[in-house]
Amino acid sequence: MKDQLGLFYVKDGVSYPVALTEEQKSIFNLTMAAIGPIKVIENKPMGIAVRLSDLQ
């Protein structure tokens, strides 16, 4: 899996990944690029990233 931005929803202190269509993902990436450089907080991982579509 390549490094990329992700979108999460937080409810009651628990974060959930948000699924996006290809169009939504493209718009999200363009929006994040327009905001400017993203600061990655590398010492605060949330867990291992997995593709939810791969889980069965």
Protein backbone atom coordinates (compact mmCIF):
# COMPACT_ATOMS: atom_id res chain seq x y z
CA MET A 1 0.00 0.00 0.00
CA LYS A 2 1.48 3.38 -0.97
CA ASP A 3 1.64 6.38 1.35
CA GLN A 4 -1.41 8.58 0.91
CA LEU A 5 -3.90 10.67 2.84
CA GLY A 6 -6.93 9.01 4.38
CA LEU A 7 -10.23 10.29 5.72
CA PHE A 8 -11.54 9.18 9.11
CA TYR A 9 -14.70 9.82 11.08
CA VAL A 10 -14.41 10.01 14.87
CA LYS A 11 -17.39 9.02 17.02
CA ASP A 12 -17.19 8.67 20.80
CA GLY A 13 -13.39 8.65 20.64
CA VAL A 14 -13.21 5.82 18.08
CA SER A 15 -11.95 6.52 14.56
CA TYR A 16 -13.57 4.84 11.56
CA PRO A 17 -12.20 4.94 7.99
CA VAL A 18 -14.46 6.64 5.45
CA ALA A 19 -14.98 4.88 2.11
CA LEU A 20 -14.80 7.16 -0.93
CA THR A 21 -15.72 6.63 -4.56
CA GLU A 22 -12.94 7.25 -7.09
CA GLU A 23 -14.44 10.69 -7.85
CA GLN A 24 -14.65 11.59 -4.15
CA LYS A 25 -11.09 10.35 -3.61
CA SER A 26 -9.84 12.52 -6.48
CA ILE A 27 -11.63 15.60 -5.10
CA PHE A 28 -10.33 14.86 -1.59
CA ASN A 29 -6.74 14.59 -2.88
CA LEU A 30 -7.06 17.84 -4.88
CA THR A 31 -8.48 19.63 -1.83
CA MET A 32 -5.69 18.39 0.43
CA ALA A 33 -3.05 19.41 -2.14
CA ALA A 34 -4.58 22.92 -2.31
CA ILE A 35 -4.37 23.34 1.47
CA GLY A 36 -0.61 23.01 1.36
CA PRO A 37 1.97 20.79 2.97
CA ILE A 38 0.59 18.18 5.37
CA LYS A 39 2.43 17.63 8.66
CA VAL A 40 2.63 13.92 9.47
CA ILE A 41 2.82 13.15 13.17
CA GLU A 42 4.93 10.03 12.88
CA ASN A 43 5.13 9.19 16.58
CA LYS A 44 1.34 8.85 17.01
CA PRO A 45 0.27 5.87 14.88
CA MET A 46 -3.38 4.79 14.96
CA GLY A 47 -2.79 1.19 13.88
CA ILE A 48 -2.12 -0.89 10.79
CA ALA A 49 -3.81 0.24 7.58
CA VAL A 50 -5.83 -2.39 5.71
CA ARG A 51 -8.09 -2.29 2.67
CA LEU A 52 -11.58 -2.97 3.95
CA SER A 53 -12.56 -4.40 0.56
CA ASP A 54 -9.91 -7.12 1.06
CA LEU A 55 -11.51 -8.34 4.32
CA GLN A 56 -14.03 -11.13 3.88
